[in-house]
Amino acid sequence: MLTRRLLLGLETELIVIVKVLETDRLVLRRLTVEDAEFILELLNDPSFLRFIGDKKVRTLDDARNYILSGPIASYERFGFGLYLTELKESSVPIGICGLLRRDTLPDVDIGFALLPQFCGKGYGFESAKAMMIYGRDVLGLNRIVAITSPENDASIALLEKLGMKFERLTKLSEDAPDVKLFAADSLGEVA
């Protein structure tokens, strides 16, 4: 949330940080345009490009526009979206995790991505599990789905650890590659 204030005759911008939830080691909070540098790095990481796709974010302005038109627009439209995931003790951003409403899927889906240096430490599972519980307990969702590229073994393992089951291959658009669709119908059983 960006608020403008007049302070001593100078217009200043106040960035309000909205914490959504926290776990033992992580804080998930709403993204702001101030996170553009991190988003630029994450969206251009080779594993993000390979498994999630090229979002055409090449500059800080592109990253700001991505944050405004993606996550922030989703917060305003649906009340949820992708959140910055950061280490609780140091506030170091490590990735994103959240819930998405896509026109091409009938259900809300969970999405997550971490910088490679933070993979394999349980952060992905910890943030995704907390987000699944948030979806069930706060948003009242009965079903959450997830999509992943068929060769993304790490994401597939994480989704299965969350208790999600593979349902089918699908496409997000006619010209898009196949993705695996996983679902958790009974959110009372979140791992």
N, C-alpha and C. Protein backbone atom coordinates (compact mmCIF):
# COMPACT_ATOMS: atom_id res chain seq x y z
N MET A 1 0.86 -1.15 0.00
CA MET A 1 0.00 0.00 0.00
C MET A 1 0.91 1.22 0.00
N LEU A 2 0.66 2.13 -0.89
CA LEU A 2 1.47 3.33 -1.01
C LEU A 2 0.61 4.51 -0.56
N THR A 3 1.09 5.26 0.39
CA THR A 3 0.37 6.42 0.91
C THR A 3 1.24 7.64 0.74
N ARG A 4 0.65 8.71 0.28
CA ARG A 4 1.40 9.96 0.13
C ARG A 4 1.08 10.86 1.31
N ARG A 5 2.10 11.49 1.86
CA ARG A 5 1.93 12.42 2.97
C ARG A 5 2.72 13.69 2.71
N LEU A 6 2.22 14.77 3.25
CA LEU A 6 2.93 16.04 3.17
C LEU A 6 3.65 16.24 4.50
N LEU A 7 4.97 16.29 4.48
CA LEU A 7 5.76 16.40 5.69
C LEU A 7 6.72 17.56 5.52
N LEU A 8 6.58 18.57 6.36
CA LEU A 8 7.43 19.76 6.30
C LEU A 8 7.46 20.37 4.90
N GLY A 9 6.29 20.38 4.25
CA GLY A 9 6.21 20.98 2.92
C GLY A 9 6.71 20.09 1.80
N LEU A 10 7.21 18.90 2.13
CA LEU A 10 7.70 17.98 1.11
C LEU A 10 6.75 16.79 1.01
N GLU A 11 6.43 16.40 -0.21
CA GLU A 11 5.60 15.22 -0.39
C GLU A 11 6.48 13.99 -0.24
N THR A 12 6.07 13.10 0.64
CA THR A 12 6.84 11.88 0.86
C THR A 12 5.94 10.68 0.63
N GLU A 13 6.53 9.56 0.34
CA GLU A 13 5.78 8.33 0.16
C GLU A 13 6.03 7.44 1.36
N LEU A 14 4.96 6.91 1.90
CA LEU A 14 5.05 6.00 3.02
C LEU A 14 4.64 4.61 2.52
N ILE A 15 5.53 3.67 2.63
CA ILE A 15 5.24 2.31 2.22
C ILE A 15 4.77 1.55 3.45
N VAL A 16 3.58 1.01 3.37
CA VAL A 16 3.02 0.25 4.48
C VAL A 16 3.27 -1.23 4.21
N ILE A 17 3.94 -1.89 5.14
CA ILE A 17 4.22 -3.31 5.02
C ILE A 17 3.07 -4.07 5.66
N VAL A 18 2.46 -4.97 4.89
CA VAL A 18 1.33 -5.75 5.39
C VAL A 18 1.77 -7.21 5.52
N LYS A 19 1.99 -7.61 6.78
CA LYS A 19 2.36 -8.99 7.06
C LYS A 19 1.09 -9.84 6.98
N VAL A 20 1.16 -10.94 6.21
CA VAL A 20 0.00 -11.81 6.05
C VAL A 20 0.05 -12.96 7.04
N LEU A 21 1.22 -13.57 7.17
CA LEU A 21 1.37 -14.64 8.14
C LEU A 21 2.84 -14.88 8.42
N GLU A 22 3.09 -15.63 9.49
CA GLU A 22 4.46 -16.01 9.79
C GLU A 22 4.49 -17.44 10.28
N THR A 23 5.64 -18.04 10.08
CA THR A 23 5.90 -19.41 10.53
C THR A 23 7.05 -19.34 11.53
N ASP A 24 7.58 -20.48 11.89
CA ASP A 24 8.72 -20.49 12.82
C ASP A 24 9.91 -19.70 12.28
N ARG A 25 10.15 -19.81 10.97
CA ARG A 25 11.35 -19.19 10.39
C ARG A 25 11.08 -18.11 9.36
N LEU A 26 9.83 -17.96 8.93
CA LEU A 26 9.52 -17.10 7.79
C LEU A 26 8.42 -16.09 8.08
N VAL A 27 8.44 -15.01 7.32
CA VAL A 27 7.34 -14.05 7.27
C VAL A 27 6.89 -13.97 5.82
N LEU A 28 5.59 -14.03 5.60
CA LEU A 28 5.02 -13.81 4.27
C LEU A 28 4.25 -12.50 4.35
N ARG A 29 4.61 -11.58 3.47
CA ARG A 29 4.00 -10.26 3.48
C ARG A 29 3.69 -9.82 2.06
N ARG A 30 2.79 -8.84 1.98
CA ARG A 30 2.44 -8.30 0.67
C ARG A 30 3.66 -7.66 0.02
N LEU A 31 3.78 -7.86 -1.27
CA LEU A 31 4.82 -7.22 -2.05
C LEU A 31 4.50 -5.74 -2.21
N THR A 32 5.53 -4.91 -2.26
CA THR A 32 5.40 -3.49 -2.58
C THR A 32 6.36 -3.18 -3.72
N VAL A 33 6.22 -2.01 -4.32
CA VAL A 33 7.13 -1.63 -5.39
C VAL A 33 8.57 -1.53 -4.90
N GLU A 34 8.75 -1.40 -3.58
CA GLU A 34 10.09 -1.37 -3.01
C GLU A 34 10.80 -2.72 -3.13
N ASP A 35 10.08 -3.77 -3.46
CA ASP A 35 10.66 -5.11 -3.62
C ASP A 35 11.11 -5.38 -5.06
N ALA A 36 11.13 -4.36 -5.89
CA ALA A 36 11.42 -4.53 -7.31
C ALA A 36 12.78 -5.16 -7.57
N GLU A 37 13.79 -4.76 -6.82
CA GLU A 37 15.14 -5.32 -7.05
C GLU A 37 15.14 -6.84 -6.81
N PHE A 38 14.50 -7.27 -5.73
CA PHE A 38 14.42 -8.69 -5.45
C PHE A 38 13.63 -9.42 -6.53
N ILE A 39 12.50 -8.87 -6.93
CA ILE A 39 11.66 -9.51 -7.96
C ILE A 39 12.42 -9.61 -9.28
N LEU A 40 13.18 -8.60 -9.62
CA LEU A 40 14.00 -8.63 -10.83
C LEU A 40 14.97 -9.81 -10.77
N GLU A 41 15.61 -10.00 -9.62
CA GLU A 41 16.55 -11.11 -9.45
C GLU A 41 15.83 -12.46 -9.54
N LEU A 42 14.73 -12.61 -8.80
CA LEU A 42 14.02 -13.89 -8.75
C LEU A 42 13.47 -14.29 -10.12
N LEU A 43 12.82 -13.37 -10.81
CA LEU A 43 12.17 -13.69 -12.08
C LEU A 43 13.15 -13.94 -13.21
N ASN A 44 14.42 -13.59 -13.00
CA ASN A 44 15.44 -13.85 -14.01
C ASN A 44 16.40 -14.97 -13.61
N ASP A 45 16.10 -15.63 -12.48
CA ASP A 45 16.90 -16.77 -12.08
C ASP A 45 16.68 -17.90 -13.10
N PRO A 46 17.74 -18.60 -13.50
CA PRO A 46 17.58 -19.65 -14.51
C PRO A 46 16.53 -20.71 -14.17
N SER A 47 16.41 -21.09 -12.90
CA SER A 47 15.40 -22.10 -12.56
C SER A 47 13.98 -21.54 -12.66
N PHE A 48 13.80 -20.26 -12.34
CA PHE A 48 12.49 -19.63 -12.51
C PHE A 48 12.13 -19.62 -14.00
N LEU A 49 13.06 -19.17 -14.82
CA LEU A 49 12.82 -19.11 -16.26
C LEU A 49 12.52 -20.51 -16.82
N ARG A 50 13.23 -21.51 -16.36
CA ARG A 50 13.05 -22.87 -16.88
C ARG A 50 11.71 -23.48 -16.45
N PHE A 51 11.38 -23.37 -15.18
CA PHE A 51 10.23 -24.09 -14.66
C PHE A 51 8.94 -23.28 -14.59
N ILE A 52 9.04 -21.96 -14.49
CA ILE A 52 7.84 -21.13 -14.36
C ILE A 52 7.60 -20.34 -15.64
N GLY A 53 8.65 -19.76 -16.18
CA GLY A 53 8.50 -19.06 -17.45
C GLY A 53 9.09 -17.67 -17.41
N ASP A 54 9.22 -17.11 -18.59
CA ASP A 54 9.80 -15.78 -18.75
C ASP A 54 8.69 -14.74 -18.64
N LYS A 55 8.75 -13.94 -17.61
CA LYS A 55 7.75 -12.89 -17.38
C LYS A 55 8.14 -11.58 -18.05
N LYS A 56 9.23 -11.59 -18.81
CA LYS A 56 9.70 -10.41 -19.55
C LYS A 56 10.02 -9.23 -18.63
N VAL A 57 10.55 -9.54 -17.47
CA VAL A 57 10.95 -8.52 -16.50
C VAL A 57 12.47 -8.37 -16.61
N ARG A 58 12.92 -7.24 -17.19
CA ARG A 58 14.34 -7.06 -17.45
C ARG A 58 14.94 -5.86 -16.72
N THR A 59 14.09 -4.96 -16.24
CA THR A 59 14.57 -3.73 -15.60
C THR A 59 13.81 -3.54 -14.28
N LEU A 60 14.30 -2.62 -13.47
CA LEU A 60 13.59 -2.30 -12.23
C LEU A 60 12.19 -1.76 -12.52
N ASP A 61 12.04 -0.98 -13.59
CA ASP A 61 10.70 -0.49 -13.96
C ASP A 61 9.79 -1.66 -14.35
N ASP A 62 10.34 -2.63 -15.09
CA ASP A 62 9.55 -3.83 -15.42
C ASP A 62 9.12 -4.55 -14.14
N ALA A 63 10.04 -4.65 -13.19
CA ALA A 63 9.73 -5.34 -11.93
C ALA A 63 8.65 -4.59 -11.15
N ARG A 64 8.74 -3.28 -11.11
CA ARG A 64 7.71 -2.48 -10.43
C ARG A 64 6.35 -2.69 -11.10
N ASN A 65 6.34 -2.67 -12.43
CA ASN A 65 5.09 -2.88 -13.17
C ASN A 65 4.54 -4.28 -12.94
N TYR A 66 5.42 -5.27 -12.88
CA TYR A 66 4.99 -6.64 -12.59
C TYR A 66 4.32 -6.70 -11.22
N ILE A 67 4.93 -6.08 -10.23
CA ILE A 67 4.37 -6.09 -8.86
C ILE A 67 3.01 -5.38 -8.84
N LEU A 68 2.91 -4.25 -9.52
CA LEU A 68 1.66 -3.48 -9.53
C LEU A 68 0.55 -4.21 -10.29
N SER A 69 0.87 -4.76 -11.44
CA SER A 69 -0.17 -5.37 -12.28
C SER A 69 -0.44 -6.83 -11.91
N GLY A 70 0.45 -7.44 -11.15
CA GLY A 70 0.27 -8.83 -10.74
C GLY A 70 -0.18 -8.93 -9.30
N PRO A 71 0.76 -9.06 -8.37
CA PRO A 71 0.40 -9.25 -6.96
C PRO A 71 -0.49 -8.15 -6.37
N ILE A 72 -0.14 -6.89 -6.56
CA ILE A 72 -0.93 -5.82 -5.94
C ILE A 72 -2.34 -5.77 -6.54
N ALA A 73 -2.45 -5.96 -7.85
CA ALA A 73 -3.78 -5.99 -8.47
C ALA A 73 -4.58 -7.18 -7.93
N SER A 74 -3.92 -8.29 -7.68
CA SER A 74 -4.60 -9.48 -7.14
C SER A 74 -5.08 -9.23 -5.71
N TYR A 75 -4.27 -8.56 -4.89
CA TYR A 75 -4.70 -8.24 -3.53
C TYR A 75 -5.98 -7.41 -3.57
N GLU A 76 -6.00 -6.43 -4.48
CA GLU A 76 -7.15 -5.53 -4.57
C GLU A 76 -8.38 -6.25 -5.13
N ARG A 77 -8.18 -7.12 -6.10
CA ARG A 77 -9.32 -7.78 -6.75
C ARG A 77 -9.85 -8.97 -5.96
N PHE A 78 -8.94 -9.79 -5.41
CA PHE A 78 -9.36 -11.04 -4.78
C PHE A 78 -9.12 -11.10 -3.27
N GLY A 79 -8.27 -10.21 -2.76
CA GLY A 79 -7.94 -10.26 -1.34
C GLY A 79 -6.75 -11.15 -1.04
N PHE A 80 -6.12 -11.70 -2.05
CA PHE A 80 -4.94 -12.55 -1.88
C PHE A 80 -4.11 -12.49 -3.15
N GLY A 81 -2.91 -13.06 -3.09
CA GLY A 81 -2.02 -13.07 -4.25
C GLY A 81 -0.70 -13.70 -3.86
N LEU A 82 0.34 -13.38 -4.60
CA LEU A 82 1.68 -13.85 -4.26
C LEU A 82 2.27 -12.91 -3.21
N TYR A 83 2.96 -13.48 -2.25
CA TYR A 83 3.55 -12.71 -1.15
C TYR A 83 5.06 -12.90 -1.13
N LEU A 84 5.75 -11.86 -0.69
CA LEU A 84 7.19 -11.96 -0.48
C LEU A 84 7.42 -12.89 0.71
N THR A 85 8.33 -13.81 0.55
CA THR A 85 8.71 -14.71 1.64
C THR A 85 10.09 -14.31 2.09
N GLU A 86 10.21 -13.99 3.39
CA GLU A 86 11.50 -13.54 3.91
C GLU A 86 11.83 -14.27 5.21
N LEU A 87 13.12 -14.34 5.50
CA LEU A 87 13.56 -14.95 6.74
C LEU A 87 13.13 -14.07 7.91
N LYS A 88 12.55 -14.69 8.92
CA LYS A 88 12.01 -13.93 10.06
C LYS A 88 13.10 -13.17 10.81
N GLU A 89 14.23 -13.82 11.05
CA GLU A 89 15.27 -13.20 11.88
C GLU A 89 15.99 -12.06 11.20
N SER A 90 16.16 -12.13 9.88
CA SER A 90 16.98 -11.13 9.20
C SER A 90 16.21 -10.27 8.19
N SER A 91 14.96 -10.63 7.90
CA SER A 91 14.14 -9.96 6.88
C SER A 91 14.74 -10.08 5.48
N VAL A 92 15.61 -11.05 5.25
CA VAL A 92 16.19 -11.28 3.93
C VAL A 92 15.13 -11.95 3.05
N PRO A 93 14.82 -11.36 1.89
CA PRO A 93 13.84 -11.99 0.99
C PRO A 93 14.45 -13.23 0.34
N ILE A 94 13.66 -14.31 0.33
CA ILE A 94 14.16 -15.57 -0.22
C ILE A 94 13.32 -16.08 -1.38
N GLY A 95 12.09 -15.58 -1.52
CA GLY A 95 11.22 -16.06 -2.58
C GLY A 95 9.84 -15.45 -2.49
N ILE A 96 8.91 -16.10 -3.19
CA ILE A 96 7.51 -15.71 -3.16
C ILE A 96 6.67 -16.96 -2.95
N CYS A 97 5.52 -16.76 -2.34
CA CYS A 97 4.58 -17.86 -2.15
C CYS A 97 3.20 -17.23 -1.98
N GLY A 98 2.20 -17.86 -2.54
CA GLY A 98 0.86 -17.30 -2.37
C GLY A 98 -0.18 -18.06 -3.15
N LEU A 99 -1.35 -17.48 -3.17
CA LEU A 99 -2.50 -18.06 -3.85
C LEU A 99 -2.88 -17.18 -5.03
N LEU A 100 -3.23 -17.83 -6.12
CA LEU A 100 -3.54 -17.13 -7.36
C LEU A 100 -4.91 -17.54 -7.87
N ARG A 101 -5.61 -16.60 -8.46
CA ARG A 101 -6.86 -16.88 -9.14
C ARG A 101 -6.60 -16.63 -10.62
N ARG A 102 -6.58 -17.72 -11.39
CA ARG A 102 -6.31 -17.62 -12.83
C ARG A 102 -7.61 -17.83 -13.60
N ASP A 103 -7.76 -17.10 -14.67
CA ASP A 103 -8.95 -17.27 -15.51
C ASP A 103 -9.02 -18.67 -16.12
N THR A 104 -7.87 -19.31 -16.28
CA THR A 104 -7.83 -20.59 -16.97
C THR A 104 -7.95 -21.80 -16.04
N LEU A 105 -8.08 -21.58 -14.75
CA LEU A 105 -8.26 -22.68 -13.80
C LEU A 105 -9.54 -22.45 -13.00
N PRO A 106 -10.28 -23.52 -12.73
CA PRO A 106 -11.54 -23.36 -11.99
C PRO A 106 -11.35 -23.11 -10.50
N ASP A 107 -10.17 -23.38 -9.98
CA ASP A 107 -9.92 -23.25 -8.55
C ASP A 107 -8.72 -22.34 -8.31
N VAL A 108 -8.61 -21.85 -7.08
CA VAL A 108 -7.45 -21.08 -6.66
C VAL A 108 -6.24 -22.01 -6.64
N ASP A 109 -5.09 -21.51 -7.11
CA ASP A 109 -3.90 -22.36 -7.06
C ASP A 109 -2.79 -21.71 -6.25
N ILE A 110 -1.96 -22.56 -5.70
CA ILE A 110 -0.83 -22.12 -4.90
C ILE A 110 0.39 -22.03 -5.81
N GLY A 111 1.17 -20.99 -5.60
CA GLY A 111 2.40 -20.82 -6.36
C GLY A 111 3.53 -20.47 -5.42
N PHE A 112 4.74 -20.86 -5.78
CA PHE A 112 5.91 -20.56 -4.95
C PHE A 112 7.16 -20.61 -5.80
N ALA A 113 8.15 -19.85 -5.40
CA ALA A 113 9.46 -19.85 -6.04
C ALA A 113 10.47 -19.31 -5.04
N LEU A 114 11.63 -19.93 -5.01
CA LEU A 114 12.71 -19.51 -4.12
C LEU A 114 13.98 -19.28 -4.93
N LEU A 115 14.81 -18.36 -4.45
CA LEU A 115 16.14 -18.25 -5.03
C LEU A 115 16.89 -19.55 -4.73
N PRO A 116 17.75 -19.98 -5.63
CA PRO A 116 18.40 -21.29 -5.48
C PRO A 116 19.16 -21.49 -4.18
N GLN A 117 19.77 -20.44 -3.65
CA GLN A 117 20.55 -20.59 -2.42
C GLN A 117 19.67 -20.90 -1.21
N PHE A 118 18.36 -20.78 -1.35
CA PHE A 118 17.46 -21.07 -0.24
C PHE A 118 16.65 -22.35 -0.45
N CYS A 119 16.92 -23.03 -1.55
CA CYS A 119 16.24 -24.31 -1.83
C CYS A 119 16.88 -25.43 -1.00
N GLY A 120 16.12 -26.46 -0.73
CA GLY A 120 16.63 -27.62 0.00
C GLY A 120 16.77 -27.41 1.50
N LYS A 121 16.19 -26.34 2.02
CA LYS A 121 16.27 -26.05 3.46
C LYS A 121 14.90 -26.14 4.13
N GLY A 122 13.89 -26.57 3.38
CA GLY A 122 12.54 -26.70 3.93
C GLY A 122 11.71 -25.44 3.89
N TYR A 123 12.25 -24.35 3.34
CA TYR A 123 11.50 -23.09 3.29
C TYR A 123 10.29 -23.17 2.36
N GLY A 124 10.46 -23.85 1.25
CA GLY A 124 9.35 -23.97 0.30
C GLY A 124 8.17 -24.69 0.93
N PHE A 125 8.45 -25.82 1.58
CA PHE A 125 7.38 -26.57 2.25
C PHE A 125 6.76 -25.75 3.38
N GLU A 126 7.60 -25.11 4.18
CA GLU A 126 7.12 -24.33 5.32
C GLU A 126 6.18 -23.20 4.87
N SER A 127 6.57 -22.48 3.82
CA SER A 127 5.73 -21.38 3.35
C SER A 127 4.48 -21.89 2.66
N ALA A 128 4.60 -22.94 1.86
CA ALA A 128 3.44 -23.47 1.14
C ALA A 128 2.44 -24.11 2.10
N LYS A 129 2.92 -24.81 3.10
CA LYS A 129 2.01 -25.40 4.09
C LYS A 129 1.25 -24.30 4.82
N ALA A 130 1.95 -23.25 5.24
CA ALA A 130 1.30 -22.14 5.93
C ALA A 130 0.26 -21.47 5.01
N MET A 131 0.58 -21.37 3.73
CA MET A 131 -0.34 -20.74 2.78
C MET A 131 -1.57 -21.62 2.56
N MET A 132 -1.39 -22.92 2.53
CA MET A 132 -2.54 -23.83 2.39
C MET A 132 -3.47 -23.69 3.61
N ILE A 133 -2.89 -23.63 4.78
CA ILE A 133 -3.69 -23.47 6.00
C ILE A 133 -4.39 -22.12 5.99
N TYR A 134 -3.70 -21.07 5.55
CA TYR A 134 -4.28 -19.74 5.43
C TYR A 134 -5.48 -19.77 4.46
N GLY A 135 -5.30 -20.45 3.33
CA GLY A 135 -6.39 -20.56 2.36
C GLY A 135 -7.61 -21.24 2.95
N ARG A 136 -7.38 -22.28 3.73
CA ARG A 136 -8.48 -23.01 4.36
C ARG A 136 -9.11 -22.21 5.49
N ASP A 137 -8.29 -21.75 6.43
CA ASP A 137 -8.81 -21.16 7.67
C ASP A 137 -9.24 -19.70 7.53
N VAL A 138 -8.52 -18.92 6.72
CA VAL A 138 -8.82 -17.49 6.61
C VAL A 138 -9.71 -17.20 5.39
N LEU A 139 -9.40 -17.84 4.26
CA LEU A 139 -10.15 -17.56 3.04
C LEU A 139 -11.33 -18.50 2.84
N GLY A 140 -11.38 -19.58 3.62
CA GLY A 140 -12.51 -20.51 3.53
C GLY A 140 -12.50 -21.38 2.29
N LEU A 141 -11.31 -21.63 1.73
CA LEU A 141 -11.23 -22.46 0.53
C LEU A 141 -11.35 -23.94 0.89
N ASN A 142 -12.08 -24.68 0.09
CA ASN A 142 -12.22 -26.12 0.29
C ASN A 142 -11.29 -26.92 -0.62
N ARG A 143 -10.82 -26.28 -1.68
CA ARG A 143 -9.97 -26.96 -2.66
C ARG A 143 -8.94 -25.97 -3.16
N ILE A 144 -7.70 -26.42 -3.21
CA ILE A 144 -6.61 -25.62 -3.78
C ILE A 144 -5.89 -26.52 -4.77
N VAL A 145 -5.54 -25.96 -5.92
CA VAL A 145 -4.80 -26.71 -6.92
C VAL A 145 -3.40 -26.12 -7.07
N ALA A 146 -2.59 -26.80 -7.83
CA ALA A 146 -1.24 -26.32 -8.15
C ALA A 146 -0.89 -26.82 -9.54
N ILE A 147 -0.09 -26.03 -10.23
CA ILE A 147 0.42 -26.46 -11.53
C ILE A 147 1.93 -26.42 -11.49
N THR A 148 2.53 -27.32 -12.23
CA THR A 148 3.98 -27.35 -12.34
C THR A 148 4.37 -27.98 -13.65
N SER A 149 5.53 -27.61 -14.15
CA SER A 149 6.01 -28.24 -15.37
C SER A 149 6.32 -29.71 -15.07
N PRO A 150 6.08 -30.59 -16.04
CA PRO A 150 6.25 -32.03 -15.80
C PRO A 150 7.65 -32.44 -15.35
N GLU A 151 8.66 -31.66 -15.70
CA GLU A 151 10.04 -32.01 -15.32
C GLU A 151 10.52 -31.35 -14.03
N ASN A 152 9.66 -30.61 -13.35
CA ASN A 152 10.06 -29.93 -12.12
C ASN A 152 9.89 -30.87 -10.92
N ASP A 153 10.85 -31.78 -10.78
CA ASP A 153 10.77 -32.81 -9.75
C ASP A 153 10.71 -32.25 -8.33
N ALA A 154 11.41 -31.16 -8.07
CA ALA A 154 11.41 -30.58 -6.72
C ALA A 154 10.02 -30.06 -6.35
N SER A 155 9.37 -29.36 -7.26
CA SER A 155 8.02 -28.85 -6.98
C SER A 155 7.02 -29.99 -6.86
N ILE A 156 7.15 -30.98 -7.70
CA ILE A 156 6.25 -32.14 -7.62
C ILE A 156 6.39 -32.81 -6.26
N ALA A 157 7.62 -33.01 -5.80
CA ALA A 157 7.84 -33.63 -4.49
C ALA A 157 7.24 -32.78 -3.37
N LEU A 158 7.39 -31.46 -3.46
CA LEU A 158 6.84 -30.57 -2.45
C LEU A 158 5.31 -30.65 -2.44
N LEU A 159 4.69 -30.64 -3.62
CA LEU A 159 3.23 -30.73 -3.70
C LEU A 159 2.72 -32.05 -3.12
N GLU A 160 3.43 -33.12 -3.40
CA GLU A 160 3.03 -34.42 -2.85
C GLU A 160 3.22 -34.45 -1.33
N LYS A 161 4.27 -33.82 -0.84
CA LYS A 161 4.50 -33.74 0.60
C LYS A 161 3.39 -32.95 1.29
N LEU A 162 2.82 -31.97 0.58
CA LEU A 162 1.69 -31.19 1.09
C LEU A 162 0.38 -31.99 1.10
N GLY A 163 0.42 -33.16 0.48
CA GLY A 163 -0.79 -33.98 0.41
C GLY A 163 -1.59 -33.77 -0.87
N MET A 164 -1.02 -33.07 -1.81
CA MET A 164 -1.71 -32.84 -3.08
C MET A 164 -1.53 -34.06 -3.98
N LYS A 165 -2.52 -34.32 -4.80
CA LYS A 165 -2.51 -35.48 -5.70
C LYS A 165 -2.54 -35.01 -7.15
N PHE A 166 -1.77 -35.71 -7.98
CA PHE A 166 -1.79 -35.43 -9.41
C PHE A 166 -3.16 -35.77 -9.97
N GLU A 167 -3.73 -34.85 -10.76
CA GLU A 167 -5.02 -35.10 -11.39
C GLU A 167 -4.91 -35.33 -12.89
N ARG A 168 -4.19 -34.44 -13.58
CA ARG A 168 -4.12 -34.56 -15.03
C ARG A 168 -3.13 -33.55 -15.60
N LEU A 169 -2.81 -33.75 -16.88
CA LEU A 169 -2.07 -32.74 -17.62
C LEU A 169 -3.08 -31.73 -18.16
N THR A 170 -2.70 -30.47 -18.20
CA THR A 170 -3.57 -29.42 -18.72
C THR A 170 -2.71 -28.35 -19.36
N LYS A 171 -3.36 -27.40 -20.02
CA LYS A 171 -2.68 -26.25 -20.62
C LYS A 171 -3.33 -24.99 -20.10
N LEU A 172 -2.53 -23.96 -19.83
CA LEU A 172 -3.08 -22.69 -19.38
C LEU A 172 -3.58 -21.83 -20.55
N SER A 173 -3.17 -22.18 -21.75
CA SER A 173 -3.69 -21.57 -22.97
C SER A 173 -3.43 -22.56 -24.10
N GLU A 174 -4.05 -22.34 -25.23
CA GLU A 174 -3.93 -23.29 -26.34
C GLU A 174 -2.50 -23.49 -26.81
N ASP A 175 -1.71 -22.43 -26.80
CA ASP A 175 -0.34 -22.52 -27.30
C ASP A 175 0.69 -22.75 -26.18
N ALA A 176 0.22 -22.95 -24.96
CA ALA A 176 1.13 -23.16 -23.82
C ALA A 176 1.51 -24.63 -23.72
N PRO A 177 2.66 -24.90 -23.10
CA PRO A 177 3.05 -26.31 -22.90
C PRO A 177 2.17 -26.97 -21.83
N ASP A 178 2.15 -28.29 -21.84
CA ASP A 178 1.42 -29.03 -20.82
C ASP A 178 2.02 -28.76 -19.45
N VAL A 179 1.15 -28.68 -18.45
CA VAL A 179 1.57 -28.60 -17.06
C VAL A 179 0.81 -29.67 -16.29
N LYS A 180 1.42 -30.12 -15.20
CA LYS A 180 0.76 -31.08 -14.32
C LYS A 180 -0.13 -30.33 -13.35
N LEU A 181 -1.37 -30.79 -13.21
CA LEU A 181 -2.32 -30.20 -12.28
C LEU A 181 -2.44 -31.11 -11.06
N PHE A 182 -2.16 -30.56 -9.90
CA PHE A 182 -2.31 -31.26 -8.63
C PHE A 182 -3.45 -30.60 -7.86
N ALA A 183 -4.06 -31.35 -6.95
CA ALA A 183 -5.15 -30.79 -6.17
C ALA A 183 -5.17 -31.34 -4.76
N ALA A 184 -5.65 -30.50 -3.86
CA ALA A 184 -5.93 -30.91 -2.48
C ALA A 184 -7.41 -30.60 -2.26
N ASP A 185 -8.22 -31.65 -2.24
CA ASP A 185 -9.66 -31.48 -2.08
C ASP A 185 -10.04 -31.35 -0.62
N SER A 186 -9.34 -32.03 0.22
CA SER A 186 -9.68 -32.02 1.63
C SER A 186 -8.59 -31.26 2.38
N LEU A 187 -8.80 -29.96 2.55
CA LEU A 187 -7.76 -29.15 3.16
C LEU A 187 -7.63 -29.39 4.66
N GLY A 188 -8.50 -30.20 5.21
CA GLY A 188 -8.35 -30.57 6.62
C GLY A 188 -7.14 -31.45 6.83
N GLU A 189 -6.60 -31.97 5.75
CA GLU A 189 -5.47 -32.89 5.83
C GLU A 189 -4.16 -32.29 5.35
N VAL A 190 -4.04 -30.96 5.44
CA VAL A 190 -2.78 -30.33 5.01
C VAL A 190 -1.66 -30.88 5.86
N ALA A 191 -0.61 -31.34 5.18
CA ALA A 191 0.49 -32.06 5.84
C ALA A 191 1.03 -31.35 7.05
